[in-house]
Amino acid sequence: MRAIFIIILTFLSVMHASAQQKTMTYLALGDSYTIGESVPVYENFPYQLVQKMRQKNKPVHAPELVARTGWTTGELMAGIARTQLLNTYDLVTLLIGVNNQYRGRSTEEYAKEFEWLLKLAIEKAGGKASNVVVVSIPDWGATPFAKDRDRAKITREIDAFNAINREISARYQTRYADITEASRDARSMPELVAADGLHPSGLEYTKWMNAIWKALGW
């Protein structure tokens, strides 16, 4: 009888440990900033986040990315519709909008489509808004790519789009990682920009990953 009791206890302990070590799933929605245009895939922020999670004893599968260079909110919506996703994920990040600004799309359109995307993100997070992180749009006006453009205008417009995604994020009570102001360090720190002169370097992505980590309260 004692031997049977020990076996049962051992089995329950193993099952408990297994439950504690559940491997998490992560969905990253966005555009070139999520893909990590012009840097190795392991330097983009979703992969850096996964690496930190594993270092901190948070087992997680490789991130699933639904993102493409140049996508607007509407194109991300279409991309999601074409993708077979899991029913739910343990973590979802959403970073979208720079191409709406770049192409001169209206803030009204952005607000409507961003809200749709955020609701979808929450649904994919199992209805848990606290498992969704909205990442603000970085200011590409601070990069060398914008040297012959109206940088002040770009900054004003990026701020306007971010005011929208921040307000909608607050309304739905998701987490919010503000990386915009820090992205402006690129004006004086060229090492924060990738070789293409526009997209973030791996070092800049590390800053974003840390902001997301902080937003999650981990």
N, C-alpha and C. Protein backbone atom coordinates (compact mmCIF):
# COMPACT_ATOMS: atom_id res chain seq x y z
N MET A 1 0.82 -1.20 0.00
CA MET A 1 0.00 0.00 0.00
C MET A 1 0.87 1.27 0.00
N ARG A 2 1.93 1.23 0.81
CA ARG A 2 2.84 2.38 0.86
C ARG A 2 3.47 2.64 -0.50
N ALA A 3 3.84 1.56 -1.19
CA ALA A 3 4.47 1.70 -2.51
C ALA A 3 3.50 2.34 -3.50
N ILE A 4 2.23 1.93 -3.44
CA ILE A 4 1.21 2.49 -4.34
C ILE A 4 1.03 3.97 -4.05
N PHE A 5 1.02 4.33 -2.76
CA PHE A 5 0.84 5.72 -2.36
C PHE A 5 1.98 6.59 -2.90
N ILE A 6 3.20 6.05 -2.83
CA ILE A 6 4.37 6.78 -3.32
C ILE A 6 4.29 6.97 -4.83
N ILE A 7 3.84 5.94 -5.53
CA ILE A 7 3.70 6.02 -6.98
C ILE A 7 2.69 7.09 -7.36
N ILE A 8 1.57 7.11 -6.63
CA ILE A 8 0.52 8.11 -6.91
C ILE A 8 1.05 9.52 -6.67
N LEU A 9 1.77 9.70 -5.56
CA LEU A 9 2.33 11.02 -5.25
C LEU A 9 3.32 11.45 -6.32
N THR A 10 4.14 10.51 -6.77
CA THR A 10 5.12 10.81 -7.81
C THR A 10 4.42 11.22 -9.10
N PHE A 11 3.38 10.49 -9.45
CA PHE A 11 2.61 10.79 -10.67
C PHE A 11 1.99 12.17 -10.59
N LEU A 12 1.40 12.50 -9.43
CA LEU A 12 0.77 13.81 -9.27
C LEU A 12 1.80 14.92 -9.32
N SER A 13 2.98 14.68 -8.77
CA SER A 13 4.03 15.70 -8.80
C SER A 13 4.50 15.96 -10.22
N VAL A 14 4.64 14.88 -10.99
CA VAL A 14 5.05 15.03 -12.39
C VAL A 14 4.00 15.79 -13.18
N MET A 15 2.73 15.45 -12.96
CA MET A 15 1.65 16.13 -13.66
C MET A 15 1.60 17.60 -13.30
N HIS A 16 1.84 17.92 -12.03
CA HIS A 16 1.83 19.31 -11.58
C HIS A 16 2.97 20.09 -12.22
N ALA A 17 4.15 19.47 -12.25
CA ALA A 17 5.30 20.13 -12.86
C ALA A 17 5.08 20.34 -14.35
N SER A 18 4.44 19.35 -14.98
CA SER A 18 4.14 19.47 -16.42
C SER A 18 3.20 20.63 -16.68
N ALA A 19 2.19 20.77 -15.81
CA ALA A 19 1.22 21.86 -15.98
C ALA A 19 1.90 23.21 -15.80
N GLN A 20 2.82 23.27 -14.83
CA GLN A 20 3.52 24.52 -14.58
C GLN A 20 4.42 24.91 -15.75
N GLN A 21 4.91 23.93 -16.48
CA GLN A 21 5.84 24.18 -17.57
C GLN A 21 5.15 24.19 -18.94
N LYS A 22 3.88 24.51 -18.97
CA LYS A 22 3.15 24.58 -20.24
C LYS A 22 3.89 25.51 -21.21
N THR A 23 4.06 25.04 -22.42
CA THR A 23 4.75 25.85 -23.42
C THR A 23 3.79 26.86 -24.01
N MET A 24 4.12 28.13 -23.88
CA MET A 24 3.25 29.20 -24.31
C MET A 24 3.28 29.38 -25.82
N THR A 25 2.25 30.05 -26.34
CA THR A 25 2.18 30.39 -27.76
C THR A 25 2.11 31.91 -27.89
N TYR A 26 2.68 32.41 -28.99
CA TYR A 26 2.82 33.86 -29.17
C TYR A 26 2.51 34.22 -30.61
N LEU A 27 1.58 35.15 -30.79
CA LEU A 27 1.20 35.66 -32.11
C LEU A 27 1.61 37.12 -32.21
N ALA A 28 2.39 37.45 -33.24
CA ALA A 28 2.86 38.83 -33.46
C ALA A 28 2.23 39.36 -34.75
N LEU A 29 1.44 40.41 -34.63
CA LEU A 29 0.73 41.00 -35.77
C LEU A 29 1.37 42.34 -36.12
N GLY A 30 1.62 42.58 -37.42
CA GLY A 30 2.20 43.87 -37.75
C GLY A 30 2.64 44.03 -39.19
N ASP A 31 3.78 44.70 -39.34
CA ASP A 31 4.32 45.03 -40.67
C ASP A 31 5.84 44.79 -40.66
N SER A 32 6.60 45.61 -41.36
CA SER A 32 8.05 45.39 -41.42
C SER A 32 8.72 45.51 -40.06
N TYR A 33 8.16 46.31 -39.17
CA TYR A 33 8.74 46.46 -37.84
C TYR A 33 8.63 45.18 -37.02
N THR A 34 7.63 44.36 -37.32
CA THR A 34 7.46 43.09 -36.63
C THR A 34 8.34 42.02 -37.26
N ILE A 35 8.43 42.03 -38.59
CA ILE A 35 9.29 41.08 -39.28
C ILE A 35 10.75 41.30 -38.90
N GLY A 36 11.15 42.57 -38.81
CA GLY A 36 12.55 42.89 -38.58
C GLY A 36 13.27 43.07 -39.90
N GLU A 37 12.69 43.92 -40.76
CA GLU A 37 13.28 44.20 -42.07
C GLU A 37 14.74 44.64 -41.93
N SER A 38 15.61 44.04 -42.71
CA SER A 38 17.04 44.40 -42.78
C SER A 38 17.90 43.93 -41.61
N VAL A 39 17.33 43.08 -40.73
CA VAL A 39 18.15 42.47 -39.69
C VAL A 39 17.90 40.97 -39.70
N PRO A 40 18.82 40.16 -39.17
CA PRO A 40 18.58 38.71 -39.07
C PRO A 40 17.31 38.45 -38.27
N VAL A 41 16.61 37.38 -38.61
CA VAL A 41 15.32 37.12 -37.98
C VAL A 41 15.42 37.03 -36.46
N TYR A 42 16.56 36.52 -35.96
CA TYR A 42 16.70 36.37 -34.52
C TYR A 42 16.90 37.70 -33.80
N GLU A 43 17.04 38.80 -34.56
CA GLU A 43 17.18 40.12 -33.93
C GLU A 43 15.88 40.91 -33.89
N ASN A 44 14.83 40.43 -34.54
CA ASN A 44 13.57 41.19 -34.46
C ASN A 44 12.99 41.08 -33.05
N PHE A 45 12.05 41.96 -32.73
CA PHE A 45 11.61 41.97 -31.34
C PHE A 45 10.82 40.73 -30.92
N PRO A 46 10.02 40.11 -31.82
CA PRO A 46 9.32 38.89 -31.37
C PRO A 46 10.30 37.77 -30.97
N TYR A 47 11.34 37.57 -31.77
CA TYR A 47 12.29 36.52 -31.45
C TYR A 47 13.12 36.88 -30.22
N GLN A 48 13.48 38.13 -30.07
CA GLN A 48 14.20 38.54 -28.85
C GLN A 48 13.32 38.35 -27.62
N LEU A 49 12.03 38.62 -27.75
CA LEU A 49 11.11 38.43 -26.63
C LEU A 49 11.02 36.95 -26.25
N VAL A 50 10.93 36.09 -27.24
CA VAL A 50 10.89 34.65 -27.00
C VAL A 50 12.16 34.19 -26.30
N GLN A 51 13.31 34.69 -26.74
CA GLN A 51 14.56 34.30 -26.11
C GLN A 51 14.60 34.72 -24.65
N LYS A 52 14.11 35.92 -24.36
CA LYS A 52 14.11 36.37 -22.96
C LYS A 52 13.13 35.55 -22.13
N MET A 53 11.99 35.21 -22.71
CA MET A 53 11.01 34.39 -21.99
C MET A 53 11.64 33.06 -21.59
N ARG A 54 12.35 32.47 -22.53
CA ARG A 54 12.98 31.17 -22.23
C ARG A 54 14.08 31.31 -21.18
N GLN A 55 14.82 32.41 -21.25
CA GLN A 55 15.86 32.65 -20.24
C GLN A 55 15.27 32.82 -18.85
N LYS A 56 14.05 33.33 -18.81
CA LYS A 56 13.37 33.58 -17.53
C LYS A 56 12.43 32.44 -17.15
N ASN A 57 12.70 31.26 -17.70
CA ASN A 57 11.94 30.05 -17.37
C ASN A 57 10.46 30.17 -17.74
N LYS A 58 10.19 30.78 -18.89
CA LYS A 58 8.83 30.85 -19.43
C LYS A 58 8.85 30.12 -20.78
N PRO A 59 8.66 28.80 -20.78
CA PRO A 59 8.73 28.05 -22.04
C PRO A 59 7.75 28.59 -23.07
N VAL A 60 8.22 28.76 -24.30
CA VAL A 60 7.37 29.33 -25.34
C VAL A 60 7.80 28.80 -26.70
N HIS A 61 6.82 28.55 -27.55
CA HIS A 61 7.12 28.15 -28.92
C HIS A 61 7.69 29.35 -29.69
N ALA A 62 8.25 29.09 -30.85
CA ALA A 62 8.70 30.17 -31.74
C ALA A 62 7.50 31.06 -32.06
N PRO A 63 7.71 32.36 -32.19
CA PRO A 63 6.58 33.26 -32.45
C PRO A 63 5.97 33.00 -33.82
N GLU A 64 4.66 33.14 -33.90
CA GLU A 64 3.97 33.06 -35.18
C GLU A 64 3.73 34.49 -35.65
N LEU A 65 4.27 34.85 -36.80
CA LEU A 65 4.17 36.22 -37.31
C LEU A 65 3.17 36.30 -38.46
N VAL A 66 2.26 37.24 -38.35
CA VAL A 66 1.41 37.62 -39.48
C VAL A 66 1.75 39.08 -39.74
N ALA A 67 2.67 39.29 -40.64
CA ALA A 67 3.22 40.63 -40.88
C ALA A 67 3.91 40.64 -42.23
N ARG A 68 3.93 41.82 -42.85
CA ARG A 68 4.63 41.96 -44.13
C ARG A 68 5.04 43.42 -44.31
N THR A 69 6.19 43.60 -44.91
CA THR A 69 6.68 44.95 -45.19
C THR A 69 5.65 45.71 -46.03
N GLY A 70 5.35 46.93 -45.59
CA GLY A 70 4.44 47.80 -46.34
C GLY A 70 2.98 47.70 -45.96
N TRP A 71 2.63 46.75 -45.10
CA TRP A 71 1.22 46.57 -44.77
C TRP A 71 0.64 47.73 -43.99
N THR A 72 -0.57 48.12 -44.36
CA THR A 72 -1.40 49.04 -43.59
C THR A 72 -2.31 48.20 -42.69
N THR A 73 -3.13 48.88 -41.92
CA THR A 73 -4.10 48.15 -41.09
C THR A 73 -5.02 47.28 -41.94
N GLY A 74 -5.49 47.83 -43.05
CA GLY A 74 -6.39 47.07 -43.92
C GLY A 74 -5.72 45.85 -44.52
N GLU A 75 -4.46 45.99 -44.89
CA GLU A 75 -3.73 44.86 -45.47
C GLU A 75 -3.41 43.80 -44.42
N LEU A 76 -3.19 44.23 -43.18
CA LEU A 76 -3.02 43.26 -42.09
C LEU A 76 -4.32 42.49 -41.87
N MET A 77 -5.44 43.19 -41.92
CA MET A 77 -6.73 42.52 -41.78
C MET A 77 -6.89 41.44 -42.85
N ALA A 78 -6.55 41.78 -44.08
CA ALA A 78 -6.65 40.83 -45.19
C ALA A 78 -5.68 39.67 -45.00
N GLY A 79 -4.48 39.97 -44.51
CA GLY A 79 -3.48 38.93 -44.27
C GLY A 79 -3.93 37.93 -43.21
N ILE A 80 -4.55 38.44 -42.17
CA ILE A 80 -5.08 37.57 -41.11
C ILE A 80 -6.16 36.66 -41.68
N ALA A 81 -7.01 37.22 -42.53
CA ALA A 81 -8.11 36.44 -43.11
C ALA A 81 -7.59 35.28 -43.97
N ARG A 82 -6.39 35.43 -44.52
CA ARG A 82 -5.81 34.39 -45.37
C ARG A 82 -4.97 33.39 -44.58
N THR A 83 -4.83 33.58 -43.27
CA THR A 83 -3.93 32.77 -42.46
C THR A 83 -4.70 31.85 -41.52
N GLN A 84 -4.28 30.60 -41.48
CA GLN A 84 -4.89 29.63 -40.56
C GLN A 84 -4.20 29.77 -39.21
N LEU A 85 -4.87 30.41 -38.28
CA LEU A 85 -4.31 30.64 -36.96
C LEU A 85 -4.82 29.61 -35.95
N LEU A 86 -4.14 29.52 -34.82
CA LEU A 86 -4.66 28.72 -33.71
C LEU A 86 -5.91 29.39 -33.17
N ASN A 87 -6.68 28.66 -32.40
CA ASN A 87 -7.88 29.26 -31.80
C ASN A 87 -7.51 30.35 -30.82
N THR A 88 -6.49 30.07 -30.00
CA THR A 88 -6.05 31.06 -29.01
C THR A 88 -4.53 31.01 -28.84
N TYR A 89 -4.01 32.11 -28.31
CA TYR A 89 -2.58 32.24 -28.01
C TYR A 89 -2.42 32.78 -26.59
N ASP A 90 -1.28 32.50 -25.99
CA ASP A 90 -1.02 33.01 -24.64
C ASP A 90 -0.58 34.46 -24.63
N LEU A 91 -0.06 34.91 -25.77
CA LEU A 91 0.42 36.29 -25.88
C LEU A 91 0.22 36.77 -27.32
N VAL A 92 -0.25 38.01 -27.46
CA VAL A 92 -0.41 38.62 -28.79
C VAL A 92 0.16 40.04 -28.73
N THR A 93 0.99 40.39 -29.72
CA THR A 93 1.43 41.78 -29.84
C THR A 93 0.88 42.36 -31.14
N LEU A 94 0.62 43.65 -31.11
CA LEU A 94 0.07 44.35 -32.28
C LEU A 94 0.82 45.66 -32.47
N LEU A 95 1.50 45.76 -33.60
CA LEU A 95 2.22 47.00 -33.97
C LEU A 95 1.91 47.28 -35.44
N ILE A 96 1.08 48.30 -35.69
CA ILE A 96 0.64 48.58 -37.06
C ILE A 96 0.25 50.05 -37.19
N GLY A 97 0.51 50.62 -38.35
CA GLY A 97 0.06 51.98 -38.59
C GLY A 97 1.03 52.88 -39.32
N VAL A 98 2.31 52.52 -39.33
CA VAL A 98 3.28 53.42 -39.96
C VAL A 98 3.00 53.59 -41.45
N ASN A 99 2.52 52.53 -42.10
CA ASN A 99 2.26 52.64 -43.53
C ASN A 99 0.96 53.39 -43.83
N ASN A 100 0.04 53.40 -42.87
CA ASN A 100 -1.13 54.28 -43.00
C ASN A 100 -0.66 55.73 -43.04
N GLN A 101 0.25 56.07 -42.12
CA GLN A 101 0.78 57.43 -42.08
C GLN A 101 1.59 57.74 -43.33
N TYR A 102 2.45 56.82 -43.73
CA TYR A 102 3.35 57.04 -44.85
C TYR A 102 2.57 57.26 -46.16
N ARG A 103 1.46 56.55 -46.31
CA ARG A 103 0.67 56.65 -47.53
C ARG A 103 -0.39 57.74 -47.48
N GLY A 104 -0.43 58.45 -46.38
CA GLY A 104 -1.38 59.55 -46.26
C GLY A 104 -2.81 59.12 -46.00
N ARG A 105 -2.98 57.94 -45.43
CA ARG A 105 -4.31 57.46 -45.09
C ARG A 105 -4.86 58.28 -43.92
N SER A 106 -6.16 58.32 -43.80
CA SER A 106 -6.80 59.15 -42.77
C SER A 106 -6.71 58.51 -41.39
N THR A 107 -6.72 59.36 -40.38
CA THR A 107 -6.74 58.85 -39.01
C THR A 107 -8.07 58.19 -38.70
N GLU A 108 -9.13 58.63 -39.36
CA GLU A 108 -10.45 58.03 -39.14
C GLU A 108 -10.45 56.57 -39.60
N GLU A 109 -9.87 56.33 -40.77
CA GLU A 109 -9.77 54.96 -41.27
C GLU A 109 -8.92 54.12 -40.33
N TYR A 110 -7.82 54.71 -39.89
CA TYR A 110 -6.92 53.99 -38.98
C TYR A 110 -7.63 53.60 -37.69
N ALA A 111 -8.36 54.52 -37.12
CA ALA A 111 -9.06 54.25 -35.86
C ALA A 111 -10.02 53.07 -36.02
N LYS A 112 -10.78 53.07 -37.09
CA LYS A 112 -11.76 52.01 -37.32
C LYS A 112 -11.08 50.66 -37.51
N GLU A 113 -10.06 50.62 -38.34
CA GLU A 113 -9.40 49.35 -38.64
C GLU A 113 -8.52 48.89 -37.49
N PHE A 114 -7.89 49.81 -36.78
CA PHE A 114 -7.08 49.42 -35.63
C PHE A 114 -7.96 48.80 -34.55
N GLU A 115 -9.12 49.38 -34.33
CA GLU A 115 -10.03 48.82 -33.31
C GLU A 115 -10.43 47.40 -33.69
N TRP A 116 -10.72 47.18 -34.97
CA TRP A 116 -11.07 45.82 -35.42
C TRP A 116 -9.93 44.87 -35.13
N LEU A 117 -8.71 45.28 -35.44
CA LEU A 117 -7.54 44.44 -35.22
C LEU A 117 -7.31 44.16 -33.74
N LEU A 118 -7.52 45.16 -32.92
CA LEU A 118 -7.32 44.97 -31.48
C LEU A 118 -8.35 44.01 -30.91
N LYS A 119 -9.58 44.12 -31.36
CA LYS A 119 -10.62 43.19 -30.90
C LYS A 119 -10.27 41.77 -31.33
N LEU A 120 -9.75 41.62 -32.53
CA LEU A 120 -9.31 40.30 -33.00
C LEU A 120 -8.15 39.78 -32.16
N ALA A 121 -7.22 40.67 -31.82
CA ALA A 121 -6.08 40.27 -30.99
C ALA A 121 -6.55 39.78 -29.63
N ILE A 122 -7.50 40.47 -29.04
CA ILE A 122 -8.04 40.06 -27.73
C ILE A 122 -8.75 38.72 -27.85
N GLU A 123 -9.51 38.56 -28.92
CA GLU A 123 -10.18 37.27 -29.16
C GLU A 123 -9.16 36.15 -29.26
N LYS A 124 -8.06 36.40 -30.00
CA LYS A 124 -7.03 35.38 -30.16
C LYS A 124 -6.24 35.15 -28.87
N ALA A 125 -6.31 36.08 -27.95
CA ALA A 125 -5.68 35.90 -26.64
C ALA A 125 -6.65 35.26 -25.65
N GLY A 126 -7.67 34.63 -26.17
CA GLY A 126 -8.64 33.95 -25.32
C GLY A 126 -9.53 34.90 -24.55
N GLY A 127 -9.70 36.11 -25.09
CA GLY A 127 -10.53 37.10 -24.41
C GLY A 127 -9.83 37.81 -23.27
N LYS A 128 -8.54 37.56 -23.10
CA LYS A 128 -7.78 38.16 -22.00
C LYS A 128 -7.02 39.38 -22.51
N ALA A 129 -7.56 40.56 -22.29
CA ALA A 129 -6.93 41.79 -22.77
C ALA A 129 -5.55 41.98 -22.18
N SER A 130 -5.33 41.46 -20.98
CA SER A 130 -4.03 41.62 -20.33
C SER A 130 -2.93 40.81 -21.02
N ASN A 131 -3.31 39.91 -21.92
CA ASN A 131 -2.34 39.11 -22.67
C ASN A 131 -2.06 39.70 -24.04
N VAL A 132 -2.55 40.92 -24.28
CA VAL A 132 -2.33 41.62 -25.54
C VAL A 132 -1.49 42.86 -25.26
N VAL A 133 -0.44 43.06 -26.07
CA VAL A 133 0.39 44.25 -25.94
C VAL A 133 0.34 45.03 -27.25
N VAL A 134 -0.15 46.26 -27.16
CA VAL A 134 -0.09 47.17 -28.30
C VAL A 134 1.25 47.89 -28.22
N VAL A 135 1.97 47.90 -29.33
CA VAL A 135 3.27 48.58 -29.39
C VAL A 135 3.08 49.84 -30.23
N SER A 136 3.52 50.97 -29.71
CA SER A 136 3.34 52.23 -30.43
C SER A 136 4.17 52.26 -31.71
N ILE A 137 3.80 53.16 -32.62
CA ILE A 137 4.49 53.28 -33.91
C ILE A 137 5.77 54.10 -33.71
N PRO A 138 6.91 53.60 -34.17
CA PRO A 138 8.14 54.37 -34.05
C PRO A 138 8.15 55.55 -35.03
N ASP A 139 8.99 56.51 -34.75
CA ASP A 139 9.08 57.72 -35.59
C ASP A 139 10.19 57.55 -36.62
N TRP A 140 9.80 57.17 -37.86
CA TRP A 140 10.79 56.98 -38.90
C TRP A 140 11.39 58.31 -39.37
N GLY A 141 10.78 59.41 -38.95
CA GLY A 141 11.33 60.72 -39.28
C GLY A 141 12.69 60.97 -38.64
N ALA A 142 13.05 60.14 -37.65
CA ALA A 142 14.34 60.29 -36.99
C ALA A 142 15.46 59.53 -37.70
N THR A 143 15.11 58.82 -38.77
CA THR A 143 16.10 57.98 -39.47
C THR A 143 16.74 58.72 -40.65
N PRO A 144 17.88 58.25 -41.12
CA PRO A 144 18.51 58.86 -42.29
C PRO A 144 17.61 58.86 -43.53
N PHE A 145 16.72 57.89 -43.63
CA PHE A 145 15.81 57.79 -44.78
C PHE A 145 14.98 59.06 -44.95
N ALA A 146 14.72 59.75 -43.84
CA ALA A 146 13.84 60.93 -43.85
C ALA A 146 14.61 62.25 -43.98
N LYS A 147 15.89 62.18 -44.31
CA LYS A 147 16.71 63.41 -44.29
C LYS A 147 16.22 64.50 -45.25
N ASP A 148 15.60 64.14 -46.35
CA ASP A 148 15.11 65.14 -47.30
C ASP A 148 13.59 65.35 -47.20
N ARG A 149 13.02 64.92 -46.10
CA ARG A 149 11.58 65.05 -45.90
C ARG A 149 11.28 66.00 -44.75
N ASP A 150 10.01 66.32 -44.59
CA ASP A 150 9.58 67.21 -43.51
C ASP A 150 9.48 66.40 -42.23
N ARG A 151 10.57 66.38 -41.48
CA ARG A 151 10.61 65.53 -40.29
C ARG A 151 9.62 65.97 -39.21
N ALA A 152 9.41 67.26 -39.08
CA ALA A 152 8.47 67.76 -38.08
C ALA A 152 7.05 67.28 -38.41
N LYS A 153 6.71 67.26 -39.69
CA LYS A 153 5.39 66.80 -40.12
C LYS A 153 5.23 65.30 -39.85
N ILE A 154 6.28 64.54 -40.13
CA ILE A 154 6.22 63.10 -39.86
C ILE A 154 5.99 62.86 -38.38
N THR A 155 6.72 63.59 -37.55
CA THR A 155 6.58 63.42 -36.10
C THR A 155 5.16 63.75 -35.64
N ARG A 156 4.61 64.84 -36.14
CA ARG A 156 3.24 65.23 -35.76
C ARG A 156 2.25 64.14 -36.16
N GLU A 157 2.41 63.61 -37.35
CA GLU A 157 1.46 62.60 -37.82
C GLU A 157 1.62 61.28 -37.07
N ILE A 158 2.85 60.88 -36.81
CA ILE A 158 3.08 59.66 -36.02
C ILE A 158 2.44 59.81 -34.64
N ASP A 159 2.61 60.98 -34.03
CA ASP A 159 2.02 61.22 -32.71
C ASP A 159 0.49 61.14 -32.77
N ALA A 160 -0.09 61.63 -33.87
CA ALA A 160 -1.55 61.59 -34.01
C ALA A 160 -2.04 60.15 -34.12
N PHE A 161 -1.34 59.33 -34.89
CA PHE A 161 -1.73 57.92 -35.02
C PHE A 161 -1.54 57.18 -33.70
N ASN A 162 -0.47 57.51 -33.00
CA ASN A 162 -0.25 56.86 -31.70
C ASN A 162 -1.27 57.28 -30.65
N ALA A 163 -1.74 58.51 -30.73
CA ALA A 163 -2.79 58.95 -29.80
C ALA A 163 -4.03 58.07 -29.98
N ILE A 164 -4.29 57.70 -31.22
CA ILE A 164 -5.44 56.84 -31.52
C ILE A 164 -5.23 55.43 -30.97
N ASN A 165 -4.10 54.82 -31.28
CA ASN A 165 -3.93 53.43 -30.81
C ASN A 165 -3.80 53.36 -29.28
N ARG A 166 -3.25 54.43 -28.68
CA ARG A 166 -3.18 54.44 -27.21
C ARG A 166 -4.57 54.54 -26.59
N GLU A 167 -5.41 55.41 -27.15
CA GLU A 167 -6.76 55.57 -26.61
C GLU A 167 -7.58 54.29 -26.76
N ILE A 168 -7.49 53.65 -27.91
CA ILE A 168 -8.25 52.42 -28.13
C ILE A 168 -7.71 51.30 -27.23
N SER A 169 -6.40 51.24 -27.09
CA SER A 169 -5.80 50.27 -26.19
C SER A 169 -6.29 50.46 -24.75
N ALA A 170 -6.34 51.70 -24.30
CA ALA A 170 -6.81 51.98 -22.94
C ALA A 170 -8.29 51.61 -22.78
N ARG A 171 -9.06 51.87 -23.82
CA ARG A 171 -10.50 51.57 -23.76
C ARG A 171 -10.74 50.08 -23.60
N TYR A 172 -9.92 49.27 -24.27
CA TYR A 172 -10.08 47.82 -24.21
C TYR A 172 -9.21 47.18 -23.13
N GLN A 173 -8.48 48.02 -22.40
CA GLN A 173 -7.68 47.59 -21.24
C GLN A 173 -6.60 46.57 -21.59
N THR A 174 -5.97 46.76 -22.74
CA THR A 174 -4.81 45.94 -23.08
C THR A 174 -3.56 46.61 -22.52
N ARG A 175 -2.45 45.96 -22.66
CA ARG A 175 -1.18 46.54 -22.24
C ARG A 175 -0.63 47.39 -23.39
N TYR A 176 0.22 48.34 -23.04
CA TYR A 176 0.72 49.28 -24.05
C TYR A 176 2.21 49.52 -23.83
N ALA A 177 2.99 49.31 -24.89
CA ALA A 177 4.43 49.55 -24.84
C ALA A 177 4.76 50.75 -25.72
N ASP A 178 5.14 51.85 -25.11
CA ASP A 178 5.45 53.07 -25.84
C ASP A 178 6.93 53.09 -26.19
N ILE A 179 7.23 52.87 -27.47
CA ILE A 179 8.63 52.85 -27.91
C ILE A 179 8.96 54.06 -28.80
N THR A 180 7.98 54.95 -28.97
CA THR A 180 8.13 56.03 -29.94
C THR A 180 9.21 57.04 -29.57
N GLU A 181 9.14 57.56 -28.37
CA GLU A 181 10.12 58.58 -27.97
C GLU A 181 11.53 58.02 -28.01
N ALA A 182 11.69 56.79 -27.55
CA ALA A 182 13.01 56.17 -27.57
C ALA A 182 13.50 55.95 -29.00
N SER A 183 12.56 55.73 -29.94
CA SER A 183 12.97 55.53 -31.34
C SER A 183 13.60 56.79 -31.92
N ARG A 184 13.30 57.93 -31.32
CA ARG A 184 13.85 59.21 -31.79
C ARG A 184 15.32 59.39 -31.41
N ASP A 185 15.83 58.48 -30.59
CA ASP A 185 17.26 58.51 -30.27
C ASP A 185 18.10 58.27 -31.52
N ALA A 186 17.46 57.70 -32.55
CA ALA A 186 18.18 57.42 -33.80
C ALA A 186 18.75 58.68 -34.45
N ARG A 187 18.21 59.84 -34.08
CA ARG A 187 18.73 61.10 -34.63
C ARG A 187 20.22 61.26 -34.31
N SER A 188 20.60 60.82 -33.14
CA SER A 188 22.00 61.01 -32.71
C SER A 188 22.74 59.70 -32.47
N MET A 189 22.05 58.58 -32.68
CA MET A 189 22.67 57.27 -32.44
C MET A 189 22.47 56.38 -33.66
N PRO A 190 23.33 56.48 -34.66
CA PRO A 190 23.16 55.72 -35.89
C PRO A 190 23.17 54.22 -35.70
N GLU A 191 23.73 53.76 -34.60
CA GLU A 191 23.77 52.32 -34.34
C GLU A 191 22.38 51.73 -34.08
N LEU A 192 21.39 52.60 -33.90
CA LEU A 192 20.02 52.13 -33.67
C LEU A 192 19.25 51.89 -34.97
N VAL A 193 19.91 52.18 -36.10
CA VAL A 193 19.26 52.04 -37.41
C VAL A 193 19.96 50.95 -38.21
N ALA A 194 19.16 50.13 -38.91
CA ALA A 194 19.71 49.06 -39.74
C ALA A 194 20.44 49.64 -40.95
N ALA A 195 21.07 48.78 -41.71
CA ALA A 195 21.88 49.21 -42.86
C ALA A 195 21.07 49.90 -43.94
N ASP A 196 19.75 49.67 -43.99
CA ASP A 196 18.92 50.31 -45.02
C ASP A 196 18.61 51.78 -44.71
N GLY A 197 19.02 52.25 -43.53
CA GLY A 197 18.81 53.65 -43.17
C GLY A 197 17.41 53.99 -42.73
N LEU A 198 16.55 52.98 -42.60
CA LEU A 198 15.15 53.22 -42.24
C LEU A 198 14.68 52.37 -41.06
N HIS A 199 14.94 51.09 -41.14
CA HIS A 199 14.40 50.18 -40.12
C HIS A 199 15.32 50.07 -38.90
N PRO A 200 14.78 49.60 -37.79
CA PRO A 200 15.57 49.47 -36.57
C PRO A 200 16.67 48.42 -36.69
N SER A 201 17.74 48.65 -35.97
CA SER A 201 18.80 47.65 -35.84
C SER A 201 18.40 46.67 -34.73
N GLY A 202 19.19 45.62 -34.59
CA GLY A 202 18.94 44.68 -33.52
C GLY A 202 19.01 45.33 -32.15
N LEU A 203 19.89 46.31 -32.01
CA LEU A 203 20.03 47.03 -30.74
C LEU A 203 18.75 47.81 -30.41
N GLU A 204 18.17 48.45 -31.43
CA GLU A 204 16.92 49.16 -31.20
C GLU A 204 15.80 48.18 -30.86
N TYR A 205 15.78 47.04 -31.54
CA TYR A 205 14.75 46.04 -31.25
C TYR A 205 14.87 45.51 -29.82
N THR A 206 16.07 45.48 -29.30
CA THR A 206 16.24 45.06 -27.90
C THR A 206 15.52 46.04 -26.98
N LYS A 207 15.61 47.33 -27.29
CA LYS A 207 14.90 48.33 -26.49
C LYS A 207 13.40 48.11 -26.55
N TRP A 208 12.90 47.78 -27.73
CA TRP A 208 11.46 47.52 -27.88
C TRP A 208 11.06 46.28 -27.07
N MET A 209 11.86 45.24 -27.19
CA MET A 209 11.56 44.01 -26.45
C MET A 209 11.49 44.28 -24.96
N ASN A 210 12.43 45.07 -24.46
CA ASN A 210 12.43 45.38 -23.03
C ASN A 210 11.20 46.21 -22.63
N ALA A 211 10.75 47.08 -23.53
CA ALA A 211 9.54 47.87 -23.25
C ALA A 211 8.30 46.96 -23.20
N ILE A 212 8.26 45.98 -24.07
CA ILE A 212 7.16 45.02 -24.07
C ILE A 212 7.20 44.18 -22.79
N TRP A 213 8.38 43.75 -22.44
CA TRP A 213 8.56 42.97 -21.20
C TRP A 213 8.06 43.77 -19.99
N LYS A 214 8.44 45.02 -19.95
CA LYS A 214 8.01 45.87 -18.84
C LYS A 214 6.49 46.06 -18.84
N ALA A 215 5.90 46.23 -20.02
CA ALA A 215 4.45 46.40 -20.12
C ALA A 215 3.71 45.15 -19.61
N LEU A 216 4.31 43.98 -19.83
CA LEU A 216 3.71 42.74 -19.37
C LEU A 216 3.85 42.55 -17.86
N GLY A 217 4.71 43.35 -17.25
CA GLY A 217 4.89 43.25 -15.79
C GLY A 217 5.70 42.05 -15.37
N TRP A 218 6.50 41.55 -16.27
CA TRP A 218 7.31 40.36 -15.98
C TRP A 218 8.65 40.76 -15.38
